């Protein structure tokens, strides 16, 4: 579970900054670059052993050791070049991302060698702008039209 003792941020150039002491001096932060990643838009780290982020070009990148001296990030194209606007991981059993076409993209095996992502259209009229999945049985997404979408079943709890 994320805490005040663990923080991860990304910038528009693909830099990932991590800290185990975010309120301390700047040297408490370490930086790495995710190669091939285009302008990250969102990051989710449900634990120190799983972080995922998405970008403007339809990529997701996952690390199972984001605080390592040289963390390894696995990059995958999950949305055919679409703008991914948010991601939330409930842990090793679910990551869900949203895009600018009203789709939710889910994987039930984010730490697998080649996670399979599945798209579900939920809002054809607006871009989805954010998502939060505090558990594998609850996801909440918002769009740019002011609507809120909740799921206690698909796509969160079922495959």
C-alpha atoms as a PDB file:
ATOM      1  CA  UNK A   1       0.000   0.000   0.000  1.00  0.00           C
ATOM      2  CA  UNK A   2       1.407   3.443  -0.866  1.00  0.00           C
ATOM      3  CA  UNK A   3       2.423   5.505   2.109  1.00  0.00           C
ATOM      4  CA  UNK A   4       4.033   8.768   3.152  1.00  0.00           C
ATOM      5  CA  UNK A   5       7.312   6.830   3.076  1.00  0.00           C
ATOM      6  CA  UNK A   6       7.094   5.906  -0.624  1.00  0.00           C
ATOM      7  CA  UNK A   7       6.421   8.245  -3.515  1.00  0.00           C
ATOM      8  CA  UNK A   8       6.696   7.957  -7.311  1.00  0.00           C
ATOM      9  CA  UNK A   9       6.284  10.763  -9.834  1.00  0.00           C
ATOM     10  CA  UNK A  10       6.780  10.969 -13.598  1.00  0.00           C
ATOM     11  CA  UNK A  11       7.434  13.895 -15.887  1.00  0.00           C
ATOM     12  CA  UNK A  12       6.594  14.578 -19.514  1.00  0.00           C
ATOM     13  CA  UNK A  13      10.015  13.340 -20.689  1.00  0.00           C
ATOM     14  CA  UNK A  14       9.696   9.797 -19.299  1.00  0.00           C
ATOM     15  CA  UNK A  15      11.708  10.399 -16.127  1.00  0.00           C
ATOM     16  CA  UNK A  16      10.580   8.393 -13.117  1.00  0.00           C
ATOM     17  CA  UNK A  17      11.469   9.793  -9.701  1.00  0.00           C
ATOM     18  CA  UNK A  18      11.168   7.613  -6.615  1.00  0.00           C
ATOM     19  CA  UNK A  19      11.777   8.253  -2.942  1.00  0.00           C
ATOM     20  CA  UNK A  20      11.514   6.314   0.290  1.00  0.00           C
ATOM     21  CA  UNK A  21      11.723   9.632   2.166  1.00  0.00           C
ATOM     22  CA  UNK A  22       9.748  12.146   0.079  1.00  0.00           C
ATOM     23  CA  UNK A  23       9.771  14.859   2.751  1.00  0.00           C
ATOM     24  CA  UNK A  24      13.562  14.813   3.093  1.00  0.00           C
ATOM     25  CA  UNK A  25      16.305  16.505   1.112  1.00  0.00           C
ATOM     26  CA  UNK A  26      16.372  16.349  -2.706  1.00  0.00           C
ATOM     27  CA  UNK A  27      19.087  13.675  -2.577  1.00  0.00           C
ATOM     28  CA  UNK A  28      16.458  11.307  -1.117  1.00  0.00           C
ATOM     29  CA  UNK A  29      15.017  11.048  -4.644  1.00  0.00           C
ATOM     30  CA  UNK A  30      16.409   8.803  -7.385  1.00  0.00           C
ATOM     31  CA  UNK A  31      15.729   9.214 -11.085  1.00  0.00           C
ATOM     32  CA  UNK A  32      15.547   6.830 -14.031  1.00  0.00           C
ATOM     33  CA  UNK A  33      14.337   7.086 -17.615  1.00  0.00           C
ATOM     34  CA  UNK A  34      11.961   4.670 -19.313  1.00  0.00           C
ATOM     35  CA  UNK A  35      13.312   4.192 -22.844  1.00  0.00           C
ATOM     36  CA  UNK A  36      10.781   4.508 -25.652  1.00  0.00           C
ATOM     37  CA  UNK A  37       8.149   6.038 -23.418  1.00  0.00           C
ATOM     38  CA  UNK A  38       6.329   9.116 -24.754  1.00  0.00           C
ATOM     39  CA  UNK A  39       5.137  11.786 -22.333  1.00  0.00           C
ATOM     40  CA  UNK A  40       3.701   9.825 -19.390  1.00  0.00           C
ATOM     41  CA  UNK A  41       0.239  10.923 -18.316  1.00  0.00           C
ATOM     42  CA  UNK A  42      -0.376   8.838 -15.197  1.00  0.00           C
ATOM     43  CA  UNK A  43       1.355   6.498 -12.753  1.00  0.00           C
ATOM     44  CA  UNK A  44      -0.013   4.004 -10.227  1.00  0.00           C
ATOM     45  CA  UNK A  45       2.044   2.198  -7.591  1.00  0.00           C
ATOM     46  CA  UNK A  46      -0.050   0.003  -5.316  1.00  0.00           C
ATOM     47  CA  UNK A  47       3.144  -1.231  -3.624  1.00  0.00           C
ATOM     48  CA  UNK A  48       6.925  -0.907  -3.708  1.00  0.00           C
ATOM     49  CA  UNK A  49       6.975  -3.988  -5.934  1.00  0.00           C
ATOM     50  CA  UNK A  50       4.598  -2.810  -8.666  1.00  0.00           C
ATOM     51  CA  UNK A  51       4.337   0.469 -10.547  1.00  0.00           C
ATOM     52  CA  UNK A  52       2.585   1.038 -13.845  1.00  0.00           C
ATOM     53  CA  UNK A  53       2.334   4.114 -16.022  1.00  0.00           C
ATOM     54  CA  UNK A  54       0.700   5.107 -19.302  1.00  0.00           C
ATOM     55  CA  UNK A  55       1.537   7.667 -21.964  1.00  0.00           C
ATOM     56  CA  UNK A  56       0.154   9.788 -24.795  1.00  0.00           C
ATOM     57  CA  UNK A  57       0.973   7.128 -27.420  1.00  0.00           C
ATOM     58  CA  UNK A  58      -0.998   4.150 -26.077  1.00  0.00           C
ATOM     59  CA  UNK A  59       1.844   2.526 -24.124  1.00  0.00           C
ATOM     60  CA  UNK A  60       1.838   1.012 -20.672  1.00  0.00           C
ATOM     61  CA  UNK A  61       5.053   0.424 -18.802  1.00  0.00           C
ATOM     62  CA  UNK A  62       5.374  -1.756 -15.708  1.00  0.00           C
ATOM     63  CA  UNK A  63       8.139  -2.257 -13.163  1.00  0.00           C
ATOM     64  CA  UNK A  64       8.228  -4.828 -10.414  1.00  0.00           C
ATOM     65  CA  UNK A  65      11.128  -3.026  -8.718  1.00  0.00           C
ATOM     66  CA  UNK A  66      10.676   0.716  -9.328  1.00  0.00           C
ATOM     67  CA  UNK A  67      12.989   1.709  -6.465  1.00  0.00           C
ATOM     68  CA  UNK A  68      15.977  -0.297  -7.720  1.00  0.00           C
ATOM     69  CA  UNK A  69      19.152   1.593  -8.561  1.00  0.00           C
ATOM     70  CA  UNK A  70      18.437   0.854 -12.228  1.00  0.00           C
ATOM     71  CA  UNK A  71      14.800  -0.223 -12.381  1.00  0.00           C
ATOM     72  CA  UNK A  72      13.665  -2.339 -15.275  1.00  0.00           C
ATOM     73  CA  UNK A  73      10.463  -1.183 -17.003  1.00  0.00           C
ATOM     74  CA  UNK A  74       8.565  -3.341 -19.510  1.00  0.00           C
ATOM     75  CA  UNK A  75       6.974  -1.295 -22.262  1.00  0.00           C
ATOM     76  CA  UNK A  76       3.914  -2.534 -24.186  1.00  0.00           C
ATOM     77  CA  UNK A  77       1.621  -0.946 -26.746  1.00  0.00           C
ATOM     78  CA  UNK A  78      -1.883  -1.509 -25.355  1.00  0.00           C
ATOM     79  CA  UNK A  79      -4.147   0.976 -27.169  1.00  0.00           C
ATOM     80  CA  UNK A  80      -3.090   1.417 -30.820  1.00  0.00           C
ATOM     81  CA  UNK A  81      -1.521   4.836 -30.345  1.00  0.00           C
ATOM     82  CA  UNK A  82      -4.452   6.398 -28.467  1.00  0.00           C
ATOM     83  CA  UNK A  83      -3.935   8.902 -25.682  1.00  0.00           C
ATOM     84  CA  UNK A  84      -4.075   7.056 -22.361  1.00  0.00           C
ATOM     85  CA  UNK A  85      -5.194   9.491 -19.679  1.00  0.00           C
ATOM     86  CA  UNK A  86      -5.082   7.463 -16.473  1.00  0.00           C
ATOM     87  CA  UNK A  87      -4.105   4.191 -14.835  1.00  0.00           C
ATOM     88  CA  UNK A  88      -4.852   2.524 -11.524  1.00  0.00           C
ATOM     89  CA  UNK A  89      -3.594  -0.802 -10.229  1.00  0.00           C
ATOM     90  CA  UNK A  90      -5.306  -2.636  -7.392  1.00  0.00           C
ATOM     91  CA  UNK A  91      -2.241  -4.877  -7.069  1.00  0.00           C
ATOM     92  CA  UNK A  92      -0.961  -7.899  -8.950  1.00  0.00           C
ATOM     93  CA  UNK A  93      -4.508  -8.958  -9.865  1.00  0.00           C
ATOM     94  CA  UNK A  94      -5.675  -5.859 -11.782  1.00  0.00           C
ATOM     95  CA  UNK A  95      -4.490  -2.760 -13.600  1.00  0.00           C
ATOM     96  CA  UNK A  96      -7.001  -0.587 -15.453  1.00  0.00           C
ATOM     97  CA  UNK A  97      -6.267   2.320 -17.782  1.00  0.00           C
ATOM     98  CA  UNK A  98      -8.553   4.794 -19.555  1.00  0.00           C
ATOM     99  CA  UNK A  99      -8.252   6.563 -22.888  1.00  0.00           C
ATOM    100  CA  UNK A 100      -9.528   9.603 -24.746  1.00  0.00           C
ATOM    101  CA  UNK A 101     -12.091   7.522 -26.674  1.00  0.00           C
ATOM    102  CA  UNK A 102     -14.101   6.383 -23.637  1.00  0.00           C
ATOM    103  CA  UNK A 103     -12.470   2.966 -23.228  1.00  0.00           C
ATOM    104  CA  UNK A 104     -11.292   1.151 -20.116  1.00  0.00           C
ATOM    105  CA  UNK A 105      -8.354  -1.179 -20.724  1.00  0.00           C
ATOM    106  CA  UNK A 106      -7.745  -3.927 -18.171  1.00  0.00           C
ATOM    107  CA  UNK A 107      -5.211  -6.624 -17.451  1.00  0.00           C
ATOM    108  CA  UNK A 108      -5.678  -9.262 -14.795  1.00  0.00           C
ATOM    109  CA  UNK A 109      -1.999 -10.266 -14.875  1.00  0.00           C
ATOM    110  CA  UNK A 110       0.034  -7.025 -14.864  1.00  0.00           C
ATOM    111  CA  UNK A 111       3.171  -8.800 -13.605  1.00  0.00           C
ATOM    112  CA  UNK A 112       3.018 -11.553 -16.238  1.00  0.00           C
ATOM    113  CA  UNK A 113       5.645 -11.801 -18.976  1.00  0.00           C
ATOM    114  CA  UNK A 114       3.222 -10.507 -21.602  1.00  0.00           C
ATOM    115  CA  UNK A 115       0.117  -9.125 -19.898  1.00  0.00           C
ATOM    116  CA  UNK A 116      -2.983  -9.188 -22.078  1.00  0.00           C
ATOM    117  CA  UNK A 117      -4.929  -5.916 -22.084  1.00  0.00           C
ATOM    118  CA  UNK A 118      -8.625  -5.881 -23.005  1.00  0.00           C
ATOM    119  CA  UNK A 119     -10.581  -2.777 -24.054  1.00  0.00           C
ATOM    120  CA  UNK A 120     -14.165  -2.150 -22.940  1.00  0.00           C
ATOM    121  CA  UNK A 121     -15.985   0.918 -24.308  1.00  0.00           C
ATOM    122  CA  UNK A 122     -17.972   2.592 -21.534  1.00  0.00           C
ATOM    123  CA  UNK A 123     -18.352   6.188 -22.757  1.00  0.00           C
ATOM    124  CA  UNK A 124     -18.494   6.765 -26.501  1.00  0.00           C
ATOM    125  CA  UNK A 125     -19.301  10.452 -26.216  1.00  0.00           C
ATOM    126  CA  UNK A 126     -16.479  11.693 -24.005  1.00  0.00           C
ATOM    127  CA  UNK A 127     -12.845  11.104 -23.154  1.00  0.00           C
ATOM    128  CA  UNK A 128     -12.240   9.281 -19.902  1.00  0.00           C
ATOM    129  CA  UNK A 129      -9.851  11.406 -17.850  1.00  0.00           C
ATOM    130  CA  UNK A 130      -9.110   9.327 -14.758  1.00  0.00           C
ATOM    131  CA  UNK A 131      -9.639   6.017 -13.015  1.00  0.00           C
ATOM    132  CA  UNK A 132      -9.219   4.655  -9.510  1.00  0.00           C
ATOM    133  CA  UNK A 133      -9.397   0.972  -8.605  1.00  0.00           C
ATOM    134  CA  UNK A 134      -8.839   0.607  -4.860  1.00  0.00           C
ATOM    135  CA  UNK A 135      -9.592  -3.124  -5.170  1.00  0.00           C
ATOM    136  CA  UNK A 136     -10.162  -5.711  -7.879  1.00  0.00           C
ATOM    137  CA  UNK A 137     -13.909  -5.422  -7.230  1.00  0.00           C
ATOM    138  CA  UNK A 138     -14.294  -1.635  -7.451  1.00  0.00           C
ATOM    139  CA  UNK A 139     -13.251   0.808 -10.168  1.00  0.00           C
ATOM    140  CA  UNK A 140     -14.421   4.381 -10.620  1.00  0.00           C
ATOM    141  CA  UNK A 141     -13.738   6.364 -13.800  1.00  0.00           C
ATOM    142  CA  UNK A 142     -14.548   9.968 -14.736  1.00  0.00           C
ATOM    143  CA  UNK A 143     -14.956  11.665 -18.102  1.00  0.00           C
ATOM    144  CA  UNK A 144     -14.466  15.174 -19.436  1.00  0.00           C
ATOM    145  CA  UNK A 145     -18.240  15.728 -19.472  1.00  0.00           C
ATOM    146  CA  UNK A 146     -18.643  15.431 -15.713  1.00  0.00           C
ATOM    147  CA  UNK A 147     -19.908  11.846 -15.610  1.00  0.00           C
ATOM    148  CA  UNK A 148     -18.751   9.243 -13.106  1.00  0.00           C
ATOM    149  CA  UNK A 149     -18.743   5.526 -13.943  1.00  0.00           C
ATOM    150  CA  UNK A 150     -18.482   2.827 -11.287  1.00  0.00           C
ATOM    151  CA  UNK A 151     -18.032  -0.906 -11.616  1.00  0.00           C
ATOM    152  CA  UNK A 152     -18.280  -3.551  -8.949  1.00  0.00           C
ATOM    153  CA  UNK A 153     -18.288  -6.298 -11.569  1.00  0.00           C
ATOM    154  CA  UNK A 154     -16.947  -6.036 -15.135  1.00  0.00           C
ATOM    155  CA  UNK A 155     -14.394  -4.927 -16.084  1.00  0.00           C
ATOM    156  CA  UNK A 156     -12.896  -5.031 -12.600  1.00  0.00           C
ATOM    157  CA  UNK A 157     -13.976  -8.281 -11.037  1.00  0.00           C
ATOM    158  CA  UNK A 158     -14.561 -10.495 -14.061  1.00  0.00           C
ATOM    159  CA  UNK A 159     -12.498 -11.316 -17.094  1.00  0.00           C
END
